[in-house]
C-alpha atoms as a PDB file:
ATOM      1  CA  UNK A   1      -4.293  -8.462  22.056  1.00  0.00           C
ATOM      2  CA  UNK A   2      -2.569  -4.921  22.669  1.00  0.00           C
ATOM      3  CA  UNK A   3       0.844  -5.642  23.647  1.00  0.00           C
ATOM      4  CA  UNK A   4       3.473  -3.124  24.411  1.00  0.00           C
ATOM      5  CA  UNK A   5       1.353  -0.268  23.776  1.00  0.00           C
ATOM      6  CA  UNK A   6      -0.380  -0.741  26.912  1.00  0.00           C
ATOM      7  CA  UNK A   7       2.489   0.161  28.927  1.00  0.00           C
ATOM      8  CA  UNK A   8       2.817   3.511  30.019  1.00  0.00           C
ATOM      9  CA  UNK A   9       0.933   6.517  28.063  1.00  0.00           C
ATOM     10  CA  UNK A  10      -1.242   5.539  25.357  1.00  0.00           C
ATOM     11  CA  UNK A  11      -3.894   7.743  23.305  1.00  0.00           C
ATOM     12  CA  UNK A  12      -4.223  11.061  23.818  1.00  0.00           C
ATOM     13  CA  UNK A  13      -7.366  12.442  26.305  1.00  0.00           C
ATOM     14  CA  UNK A  14     -10.432  13.055  24.278  1.00  0.00           C
ATOM     15  CA  UNK A  15     -11.013  16.794  23.965  1.00  0.00           C
ATOM     16  CA  UNK A  16      -7.718  17.992  24.778  1.00  0.00           C
ATOM     17  CA  UNK A  17      -4.897  19.087  22.166  1.00  0.00           C
ATOM     18  CA  UNK A  18      -2.069  16.972  21.667  1.00  0.00           C
ATOM     19  CA  UNK A  19       1.833  18.680  21.862  1.00  0.00           C
ATOM     20  CA  UNK A  20       3.708  18.162  18.576  1.00  0.00           C
ATOM     21  CA  UNK A  21       6.071  16.529  20.827  1.00  0.00           C
ATOM     22  CA  UNK A  22       3.407  14.396  22.096  1.00  0.00           C
ATOM     23  CA  UNK A  23       2.125  13.515  18.572  1.00  0.00           C
ATOM     24  CA  UNK A  24       5.495  12.477  17.577  1.00  0.00           C
ATOM     25  CA  UNK A  25       6.378  10.201  20.251  1.00  0.00           C
ATOM     26  CA  UNK A  26       3.020   8.663  19.828  1.00  0.00           C
ATOM     27  CA  UNK A  27       2.911   8.272  16.247  1.00  0.00           C
ATOM     28  CA  UNK A  28       6.768   6.902  16.300  1.00  0.00           C
ATOM     29  CA  UNK A  29       5.458   4.284  18.962  1.00  0.00           C
ATOM     30  CA  UNK A  30       2.586   3.488  16.609  1.00  0.00           C
ATOM     31  CA  UNK A  31       5.195   2.500  13.810  1.00  0.00           C
ATOM     32  CA  UNK A  32       7.546   0.883  16.013  1.00  0.00           C
ATOM     33  CA  UNK A  33       4.354  -1.420  17.030  1.00  0.00           C
ATOM     34  CA  UNK A  34       3.310  -2.249  13.687  1.00  0.00           C
ATOM     35  CA  UNK A  35       6.925  -2.938  12.656  1.00  0.00           C
ATOM     36  CA  UNK A  36       6.621  -5.844  15.150  1.00  0.00           C
ATOM     37  CA  UNK A  37       3.094  -6.703  13.950  1.00  0.00           C
ATOM     38  CA  UNK A  38       4.257  -6.805  10.688  1.00  0.00           C
ATOM     39  CA  UNK A  39       7.894  -7.487  10.326  1.00  0.00           C
ATOM     40  CA  UNK A  40       7.516  -8.817   6.438  1.00  0.00           C
ATOM     41  CA  UNK A  41       5.685  -5.812   5.057  1.00  0.00           C
ATOM     42  CA  UNK A  42       6.530  -5.435   1.657  1.00  0.00           C
ATOM     43  CA  UNK A  43       4.905  -4.118  -1.630  1.00  0.00           C
ATOM     44  CA  UNK A  44       1.835  -6.561  -2.524  1.00  0.00           C
ATOM     45  CA  UNK A  45       2.523  -5.907  -6.011  1.00  0.00           C
ATOM     46  CA  UNK A  46       4.308  -8.725  -7.768  1.00  0.00           C
ATOM     47  CA  UNK A  47       7.177  -7.285  -9.764  1.00  0.00           C
ATOM     48  CA  UNK A  48      10.602  -8.166 -10.787  1.00  0.00           C
ATOM     49  CA  UNK A  49      12.095  -5.114 -12.165  1.00  0.00           C
ATOM     50  CA  UNK A  50      10.959  -1.044 -11.839  1.00  0.00           C
ATOM     51  CA  UNK A  51       9.233  -1.376 -15.243  1.00  0.00           C
ATOM     52  CA  UNK A  52       6.950  -4.211 -13.780  1.00  0.00           C
ATOM     53  CA  UNK A  53       6.483  -1.979 -10.437  1.00  0.00           C
ATOM     54  CA  UNK A  54       5.727   0.954 -12.563  1.00  0.00           C
ATOM     55  CA  UNK A  55       3.061  -0.741 -14.607  1.00  0.00           C
ATOM     56  CA  UNK A  56       1.477  -2.823 -11.803  1.00  0.00           C
ATOM     57  CA  UNK A  57       0.887   0.252  -9.530  1.00  0.00           C
ATOM     58  CA  UNK A  58      -0.583   2.404 -12.193  1.00  0.00           C
ATOM     59  CA  UNK A  59      -3.090  -0.802 -12.914  1.00  0.00           C
ATOM     60  CA  UNK A  60      -3.799  -0.678  -8.906  1.00  0.00           C
ATOM     61  CA  UNK A  61      -6.187   2.627  -9.133  1.00  0.00           C
ATOM     62  CA  UNK A  62      -9.586   1.523  -7.993  1.00  0.00           C
ATOM     63  CA  UNK A  63      -8.993  -2.220  -7.774  1.00  0.00           C
ATOM     64  CA  UNK A  64      -7.008  -4.803  -5.389  1.00  0.00           C
ATOM     65  CA  UNK A  65      -3.306  -5.703  -5.672  1.00  0.00           C
ATOM     66  CA  UNK A  66      -4.550  -9.087  -5.829  1.00  0.00           C
ATOM     67  CA  UNK A  67      -6.524  -8.635  -8.890  1.00  0.00           C
ATOM     68  CA  UNK A  68      -3.472  -6.888 -10.383  1.00  0.00           C
ATOM     69  CA  UNK A  69      -1.111  -9.891  -9.600  1.00  0.00           C
ATOM     70  CA  UNK A  70      -3.896 -12.282 -11.195  1.00  0.00           C
ATOM     71  CA  UNK A  71      -3.842  -9.991 -14.452  1.00  0.00           C
ATOM     72  CA  UNK A  72       0.047  -8.857 -15.099  1.00  0.00           C
ATOM     73  CA  UNK A  73       1.588 -12.306 -15.660  1.00  0.00           C
ATOM     74  CA  UNK A  74      -0.308 -12.443 -19.062  1.00  0.00           C
ATOM     75  CA  UNK A  75       0.531  -8.960 -19.669  1.00  0.00           C
ATOM     76  CA  UNK A  76       4.459  -9.114 -18.628  1.00  0.00           C
ATOM     77  CA  UNK A  77       4.530 -12.435 -20.458  1.00  0.00           C
ATOM     78  CA  UNK A  78       3.466 -10.753 -23.850  1.00  0.00           C
ATOM     79  CA  UNK A  79       4.887  -7.373 -23.283  1.00  0.00           C
ATOM     80  CA  UNK A  80       8.462  -7.746 -21.523  1.00  0.00           C
ATOM     81  CA  UNK A  81       9.876  -4.337 -22.050  1.00  0.00           C
ATOM     82  CA  UNK A  82       8.715  -0.703 -22.410  1.00  0.00           C
ATOM     83  CA  UNK A  83       9.558  -1.049 -26.084  1.00  0.00           C
ATOM     84  CA  UNK A  84       7.173  -3.965 -26.424  1.00  0.00           C
ATOM     85  CA  UNK A  85       4.016  -2.092 -24.380  1.00  0.00           C
ATOM     86  CA  UNK A  86       4.738   1.130 -26.603  1.00  0.00           C
ATOM     87  CA  UNK A  87       4.362  -0.741 -29.699  1.00  0.00           C
ATOM     88  CA  UNK A  88       1.407  -2.890 -28.735  1.00  0.00           C
ATOM     89  CA  UNK A  89      -2.523  -3.037 -29.956  1.00  0.00           C
ATOM     90  CA  UNK A  90      -4.399  -1.580 -27.886  1.00  0.00           C
ATOM     91  CA  UNK A  91      -7.236  -3.478 -28.074  1.00  0.00           C
ATOM     92  CA  UNK A  92      -5.194  -6.371 -27.401  1.00  0.00           C
ATOM     93  CA  UNK A  93      -4.069  -4.942 -24.106  1.00  0.00           C
ATOM     94  CA  UNK A  94      -7.543  -3.889 -23.325  1.00  0.00           C
ATOM     95  CA  UNK A  95      -8.449  -7.703 -23.322  1.00  0.00           C
ATOM     96  CA  UNK A  96      -5.673  -8.511 -21.132  1.00  0.00           C
ATOM     97  CA  UNK A  97      -6.405  -5.717 -18.716  1.00  0.00           C
ATOM     98  CA  UNK A  98     -10.389  -6.185 -18.389  1.00  0.00           C
ATOM     99  CA  UNK A  99     -10.305  -7.753 -15.126  1.00  0.00           C
ATOM    100  CA  UNK A 100      -8.570  -4.680 -13.797  1.00  0.00           C
ATOM    101  CA  UNK A 101     -11.289  -2.265 -14.315  1.00  0.00           C
ATOM    102  CA  UNK A 102     -11.365   0.630 -16.264  1.00  0.00           C
ATOM    103  CA  UNK A 103      -9.174  -1.213 -18.731  1.00  0.00           C
ATOM    104  CA  UNK A 104      -9.360   1.699 -21.506  1.00  0.00           C
ATOM    105  CA  UNK A 105      -8.286   4.110 -19.238  1.00  0.00           C
ATOM    106  CA  UNK A 106      -5.740   1.974 -18.012  1.00  0.00           C
ATOM    107  CA  UNK A 107      -4.473   0.630 -21.257  1.00  0.00           C
ATOM    108  CA  UNK A 108      -3.945   4.377 -22.531  1.00  0.00           C
ATOM    109  CA  UNK A 109      -1.926   4.885 -19.537  1.00  0.00           C
ATOM    110  CA  UNK A 110       0.510   2.116 -19.312  1.00  0.00           C
ATOM    111  CA  UNK A 111       0.967   2.484 -23.436  1.00  0.00           C
ATOM    112  CA  UNK A 112       1.420   6.132 -22.854  1.00  0.00           C
ATOM    113  CA  UNK A 113       4.377   5.796 -20.004  1.00  0.00           C
ATOM    114  CA  UNK A 114       5.672   2.698 -21.979  1.00  0.00           C
ATOM    115  CA  UNK A 115       6.205   5.419 -25.079  1.00  0.00           C
ATOM    116  CA  UNK A 116       7.148   8.090 -22.557  1.00  0.00           C
ATOM    117  CA  UNK A 117      10.092   5.720 -21.202  1.00  0.00           C
ATOM    118  CA  UNK A 118      11.114   5.170 -24.453  1.00  0.00           C
ATOM    119  CA  UNK A 119      11.359   8.262 -26.219  1.00  0.00           C
ATOM    120  CA  UNK A 120      12.602  10.208 -23.252  1.00  0.00           C
ATOM    121  CA  UNK A 121      14.447   7.843 -20.750  1.00  0.00           C
ATOM    122  CA  UNK A 122      15.912   5.421 -23.411  1.00  0.00           C
ATOM    123  CA  UNK A 123      13.447   2.518 -22.227  1.00  0.00           C
ATOM    124  CA  UNK A 124      14.653   2.815 -18.586  1.00  0.00           C
ATOM    125  CA  UNK A 125      12.314   3.749 -15.404  1.00  0.00           C
ATOM    126  CA  UNK A 126      14.043   7.271 -14.023  1.00  0.00           C
ATOM    127  CA  UNK A 127      14.771   7.209 -10.337  1.00  0.00           C
ATOM    128  CA  UNK A 128      13.654  10.716 -10.054  1.00  0.00           C
ATOM    129  CA  UNK A 129      10.369  11.928  -8.739  1.00  0.00           C
ATOM    130  CA  UNK A 130      10.294  14.719 -10.932  1.00  0.00           C
ATOM    131  CA  UNK A 131      10.997  12.465 -14.041  1.00  0.00           C
ATOM    132  CA  UNK A 132       8.530  10.041 -12.792  1.00  0.00           C
ATOM    133  CA  UNK A 133       5.454  12.410 -12.578  1.00  0.00           C
ATOM    134  CA  UNK A 134       5.737  13.386 -16.151  1.00  0.00           C
ATOM    135  CA  UNK A 135       4.904   9.999 -17.390  1.00  0.00           C
ATOM    136  CA  UNK A 136       0.796   9.548 -18.315  1.00  0.00           C
ATOM    137  CA  UNK A 137      -0.905   8.189 -15.335  1.00  0.00           C
ATOM    138  CA  UNK A 138       2.013   8.722 -12.909  1.00  0.00           C
ATOM    139  CA  UNK A 139       1.223  10.717  -9.668  1.00  0.00           C
ATOM    140  CA  UNK A 140       3.332  11.299  -6.642  1.00  0.00           C
ATOM    141  CA  UNK A 141       1.793   8.352  -4.926  1.00  0.00           C
ATOM    142  CA  UNK A 142       2.538   5.576  -7.963  1.00  0.00           C
ATOM    143  CA  UNK A 143       6.139   7.200  -7.936  1.00  0.00           C
ATOM    144  CA  UNK A 144       7.169   7.084  -4.364  1.00  0.00           C
ATOM    145  CA  UNK A 145       5.708   2.953  -4.645  1.00  0.00           C
ATOM    146  CA  UNK A 146       8.581   2.749  -7.375  1.00  0.00           C
ATOM    147  CA  UNK A 147      11.190   5.002  -6.022  1.00  0.00           C
ATOM    148  CA  UNK A 148      10.871   3.436  -2.559  1.00  0.00           C
ATOM    149  CA  UNK A 149      10.724  -0.295  -3.608  1.00  0.00           C
ATOM    150  CA  UNK A 150      12.551  -0.411  -6.578  1.00  0.00           C
ATOM    151  CA  UNK A 151      15.154   2.194  -5.907  1.00  0.00           C
ATOM    152  CA  UNK A 152      15.477   2.163  -2.299  1.00  0.00           C
ATOM    153  CA  UNK A 153      14.653   5.884  -2.146  1.00  0.00           C
ATOM    154  CA  UNK A 154      12.608   7.124   0.757  1.00  0.00           C
ATOM    155  CA  UNK A 155       9.130   8.296   0.010  1.00  0.00           C
ATOM    156  CA  UNK A 156       5.639   7.984   1.515  1.00  0.00           C
ATOM    157  CA  UNK A 157       2.509   6.495  -0.317  1.00  0.00           C
ATOM    158  CA  UNK A 158      -0.634   8.269   0.557  1.00  0.00           C
ATOM    159  CA  UNK A 159      -3.209   5.706  -0.527  1.00  0.00           C
ATOM    160  CA  UNK A 160      -7.003   5.418   0.489  1.00  0.00           C
ATOM    161  CA  UNK A 161      -5.753   3.445   3.390  1.00  0.00           C
ATOM    162  CA  UNK A 162      -3.003   5.590   4.450  1.00  0.00           C
ATOM    163  CA  UNK A 163      -5.056   8.597   4.575  1.00  0.00           C
ATOM    164  CA  UNK A 164      -8.180   6.827   6.613  1.00  0.00           C
ATOM    165  CA  UNK A 165      -5.490   5.739   9.238  1.00  0.00           C
ATOM    166  CA  UNK A 166      -3.488   8.705   9.516  1.00  0.00           C
ATOM    167  CA  UNK A 167      -6.644  10.631  10.043  1.00  0.00           C
ATOM    168  CA  UNK A 168      -7.989   8.300  12.714  1.00  0.00           C
ATOM    169  CA  UNK A 169      -4.499   8.385  14.652  1.00  0.00           C
ATOM    170  CA  UNK A 170      -5.047  12.117  14.433  1.00  0.00           C
ATOM    171  CA  UNK A 171      -1.262  12.404  12.743  1.00  0.00           C
ATOM    172  CA  UNK A 172      -3.246  15.119  10.961  1.00  0.00           C
ATOM    173  CA  UNK A 173      -6.602  16.382   9.965  1.00  0.00           C
ATOM    174  CA  UNK A 174      -5.510  17.065   6.327  1.00  0.00           C
ATOM    175  CA  UNK A 175      -7.335  15.759   3.291  1.00  0.00           C
ATOM    176  CA  UNK A 176      -5.412  16.437   0.633  1.00  0.00           C
ATOM    177  CA  UNK A 177      -2.784  13.602  -0.293  1.00  0.00           C
ATOM    178  CA  UNK A 178      -0.066  16.208  -0.802  1.00  0.00           C
ATOM    179  CA  UNK A 179      -0.530  17.905   2.538  1.00  0.00           C
ATOM    180  CA  UNK A 180      -0.922  14.644   4.295  1.00  0.00           C
ATOM    181  CA  UNK A 181       2.431  13.429   2.937  1.00  0.00           C
ATOM    182  CA  UNK A 182       4.222  16.600   4.183  1.00  0.00           C
ATOM    183  CA  UNK A 183       2.448  16.500   7.775  1.00  0.00           C
ATOM    184  CA  UNK A 184       3.195  12.546   8.137  1.00  0.00           C
ATOM    185  CA  UNK A 185       6.661  13.321   6.774  1.00  0.00           C
ATOM    186  CA  UNK A 186       7.341  15.782   9.319  1.00  0.00           C
ATOM    187  CA  UNK A 187       6.540  13.059  12.153  1.00  0.00           C
ATOM    188  CA  UNK A 188       9.214  10.787  11.114  1.00  0.00           C
ATOM    189  CA  UNK A 189      12.884  10.804   9.907  1.00  0.00           C
ATOM    190  CA  UNK A 190      13.034  10.549   5.837  1.00  0.00           C
ATOM    191  CA  UNK A 191      14.531   6.943   6.249  1.00  0.00           C
ATOM    192  CA  UNK A 192      11.692   5.687   8.007  1.00  0.00           C
ATOM    193  CA  UNK A 193       9.128   6.530   5.178  1.00  0.00           C
ATOM    194  CA  UNK A 194       9.134   3.900   2.942  1.00  0.00           C
ATOM    195  CA  UNK A 195       8.703   1.005   5.936  1.00  0.00           C
ATOM    196  CA  UNK A 196       6.271   3.355   7.649  1.00  0.00           C
ATOM    197  CA  UNK A 197       3.885   3.324   4.402  1.00  0.00           C
ATOM    198  CA  UNK A 198       4.029  -0.458   4.309  1.00  0.00           C
ATOM    199  CA  UNK A 199       3.102  -0.541   7.875  1.00  0.00           C
ATOM    200  CA  UNK A 200       0.240   1.889   7.731  1.00  0.00           C
ATOM    201  CA  UNK A 201      -1.074   0.239   4.420  1.00  0.00           C
ATOM    202  CA  UNK A 202      -1.253  -3.486   5.591  1.00  0.00           C
ATOM    203  CA  UNK A 203      -2.769  -2.386   8.902  1.00  0.00           C
ATOM    204  CA  UNK A 204      -5.535  -0.498   7.031  1.00  0.00           C
ATOM    205  CA  UNK A 205      -5.911  -3.809   5.078  1.00  0.00           C
ATOM    206  CA  UNK A 206      -5.663  -6.237   7.770  1.00  0.00           C
ATOM    207  CA  UNK A 207      -7.214  -4.901  10.740  1.00  0.00           C
ATOM    208  CA  UNK A 208      -8.211  -1.225  10.621  1.00  0.00           C
ATOM    209  CA  UNK A 209     -10.966  -1.559   7.779  1.00  0.00           C
ATOM    210  CA  UNK A 210     -12.859   1.249   6.188  1.00  0.00           C
ATOM    211  CA  UNK A 211     -16.539   0.595   7.319  1.00  0.00           C
ATOM    212  CA  UNK A 212     -15.933  -2.292  10.435  1.00  0.00           C
ATOM    213  CA  UNK A 213     -12.290  -1.580  12.047  1.00  0.00           C
ATOM    214  CA  UNK A 214     -11.748  -4.744  13.911  1.00  0.00           C
ATOM    215  CA  UNK A 215     -10.987  -2.418  17.221  1.00  0.00           C
ATOM    216  CA  UNK A 216     -10.702  -5.619  19.605  1.00  0.00           C
ATOM    217  CA  UNK A 217      -7.979  -7.340  17.956  1.00  0.00           C
ATOM    218  CA  UNK A 218      -5.875  -4.334  17.450  1.00  0.00           C
ATOM    219  CA  UNK A 219      -2.491  -4.429  18.402  1.00  0.00           C
ATOM    220  CA  UNK A 220      -2.383  -0.637  18.632  1.00  0.00           C
ATOM    221  CA  UNK A 221      -5.725  -0.159  19.961  1.00  0.00           C
ATOM    222  CA  UNK A 222      -4.299   1.984  23.553  1.00  0.00           C
ATOM    223  CA  UNK A 223      -2.819   4.228  21.090  1.00  0.00           C
ATOM    224  CA  UNK A 224      -5.686   5.362  19.058  1.00  0.00           C
ATOM    225  CA  UNK A 225      -8.119   7.934  19.527  1.00  0.00           C
ATOM    226  CA  UNK A 226     -10.575   6.261  17.048  1.00  0.00           C
ATOM    227  CA  UNK A 227     -10.735   3.062  19.526  1.00  0.00           C
ATOM    228  CA  UNK A 228     -14.380   2.126  19.969  1.00  0.00           C
ATOM    229  CA  UNK A 229     -15.480   3.176  16.094  1.00  0.00           C
ATOM    230  CA  UNK A 230     -15.311  -0.775  15.363  1.00  0.00           C
ATOM    231  CA  UNK A 231     -15.935  -3.779  16.791  1.00  0.00           C
ATOM    232  CA  UNK A 232     -14.488  -3.963  20.188  1.00  0.00           C
ATOM    233  CA  UNK A 233     -15.437  -7.574  21.319  1.00  0.00           C
ATOM    234  CA  UNK A 234     -12.550  -9.801  20.611  1.00  0.00           C
ATOM    235  CA  UNK A 235     -14.145 -12.643  19.328  1.00  0.00           C
ATOM    236  CA  UNK A 236     -16.092 -10.701  17.073  1.00  0.00           C
ATOM    237  CA  UNK A 237     -13.234  -8.320  15.840  1.00  0.00           C
ATOM    238  CA  UNK A 238     -10.912 -11.919  15.151  1.00  0.00           C
ATOM    239  CA  UNK A 239     -13.346 -12.545  12.701  1.00  0.00           C
ATOM    240  CA  UNK A 240     -12.962  -9.646  10.620  1.00  0.00           C
ATOM    241  CA  UNK A 241      -9.329  -9.889  10.170  1.00  0.00           C
ATOM    242  CA  UNK A 242      -8.098 -10.383   6.703  1.00  0.00           C
ATOM    243  CA  UNK A 243      -5.108 -11.977   4.760  1.00  0.00           C
ATOM    244  CA  UNK A 244      -2.596 -13.712   6.716  1.00  0.00           C
ATOM    245  CA  UNK A 245      -4.317 -12.476  10.025  1.00  0.00           C
ATOM    246  CA  UNK A 246      -7.318 -14.056   9.598  1.00  0.00           C
ATOM    247  CA  UNK A 247      -5.790 -17.355   8.193  1.00  0.00           C
ATOM    248  CA  UNK A 248      -6.296 -16.356   4.344  1.00  0.00           C
ATOM    249  CA  UNK A 249      -4.006 -15.856   1.535  1.00  0.00           C
ATOM    250  CA  UNK A 250      -2.609 -12.260   1.135  1.00  0.00           C
ATOM    251  CA  UNK A 251      -2.378 -10.522  -2.277  1.00  0.00           C
ATOM    252  CA  UNK A 252       0.475 -11.748  -3.881  1.00  0.00           C
ATOM    253  CA  UNK A 253       1.086 -14.894  -6.012  1.00  0.00           C
ATOM    254  CA  UNK A 254       4.890 -15.022  -5.266  1.00  0.00           C
ATOM    255  CA  UNK A 255       5.123 -13.600  -1.489  1.00  0.00           C
ATOM    256  CA  UNK A 256       8.781 -13.312  -0.090  1.00  0.00           C
ATOM    257  CA  UNK A 257       9.639 -15.979   2.289  1.00  0.00           C
ATOM    258  CA  UNK A 258       9.616 -13.848   5.002  1.00  0.00           C
ATOM    259  CA  UNK A 259       5.606 -13.713   4.692  1.00  0.00           C
ATOM    260  CA  UNK A 260       5.286 -17.513   4.273  1.00  0.00           C
ATOM    261  CA  UNK A 261       7.272 -18.131   7.429  1.00  0.00           C
ATOM    262  CA  UNK A 262       4.829 -15.872   9.452  1.00  0.00           C
ATOM    263  CA  UNK A 263       1.973 -17.860   8.248  1.00  0.00           C
ATOM    264  CA  UNK A 264       0.883 -16.131   5.005  1.00  0.00           C
ATOM    265  CA  UNK A 265      -0.321 -17.692   2.088  1.00  0.00           C
ATOM    266  CA  UNK A 266       0.139 -16.826  -1.898  1.00  0.00           C
ATOM    267  CA  UNK A 267      -2.897 -15.641  -3.415  1.00  0.00           C
ATOM    268  CA  UNK A 268      -4.533 -17.766  -6.073  1.00  0.00           C
ATOM    269  CA  UNK A 269      -4.224 -17.527  -9.786  1.00  0.00           C
ATOM    270  CA  UNK A 270      -6.820 -15.842 -11.515  1.00  0.00           C
ATOM    271  CA  UNK A 271     -10.001 -17.652 -11.468  1.00  0.00           C
ATOM    272  CA  UNK A 272      -9.152 -19.372  -8.075  1.00  0.00           C
ATOM    273  CA  UNK A 273     -11.011 -19.044  -4.830  1.00  0.00           C
ATOM    274  CA  UNK A 274      -9.169 -16.722  -2.395  1.00  0.00           C
ATOM    275  CA  UNK A 275     -10.674 -17.653   0.671  1.00  0.00           C
ATOM    276  CA  UNK A 276     -11.205 -14.033   1.730  1.00  0.00           C
END
């Protein structure tokens, strides 16, 4: 399945150090390849405004975006503004959020951040990192999701997929999210950061899985130092592909048209059969 990546120099030689220049070139080449594979990459959380994206991102901790998307329609229909959610009965919010797991803690976070928005920012989601991270339940990862996708301000989203892949690709050996963010950010122009995050996360969800990566169906295999950690047989690897790559629904109930045009399908509502 490898395409352009198979041409010219690929993965670094085993046991040999890679120069910083070579690393930058390889990293940027991987990102270009992934941009061709996922030209429609986007946040997989459904949202209509910065407030909804902020809440949905907080809810996505330790669960799937699909589960969040199946839950938030009920939440946002009942609580349309930060003022509504700040004044909500916690028990009623907990019942709605139960499918997302850790629903008591998440209720505390989303009602708390809503109160913070009302009291500190006039009910509006701030567009600055230093303001967002002051809100309950909002760390740098969540803040960069909001800044990049609601305000168009570049940021790197270091989630579990991102951490796993950049270490597999030997972009960095760091394990601390802030240090990973700094190390990877130094390899790319700032303007690339948000789309880079989407490309890496999408690849981690669809092909480069944690337990059994589909190496034999990976378009950037020739550039990957970890090639061979997963299934290398092309036919067996194709069976491991997820979401639109495997012919199954994605994680959004309301995905953008470009995703649908590429063969993706909307996720089912809560209680539906996903096929994944």
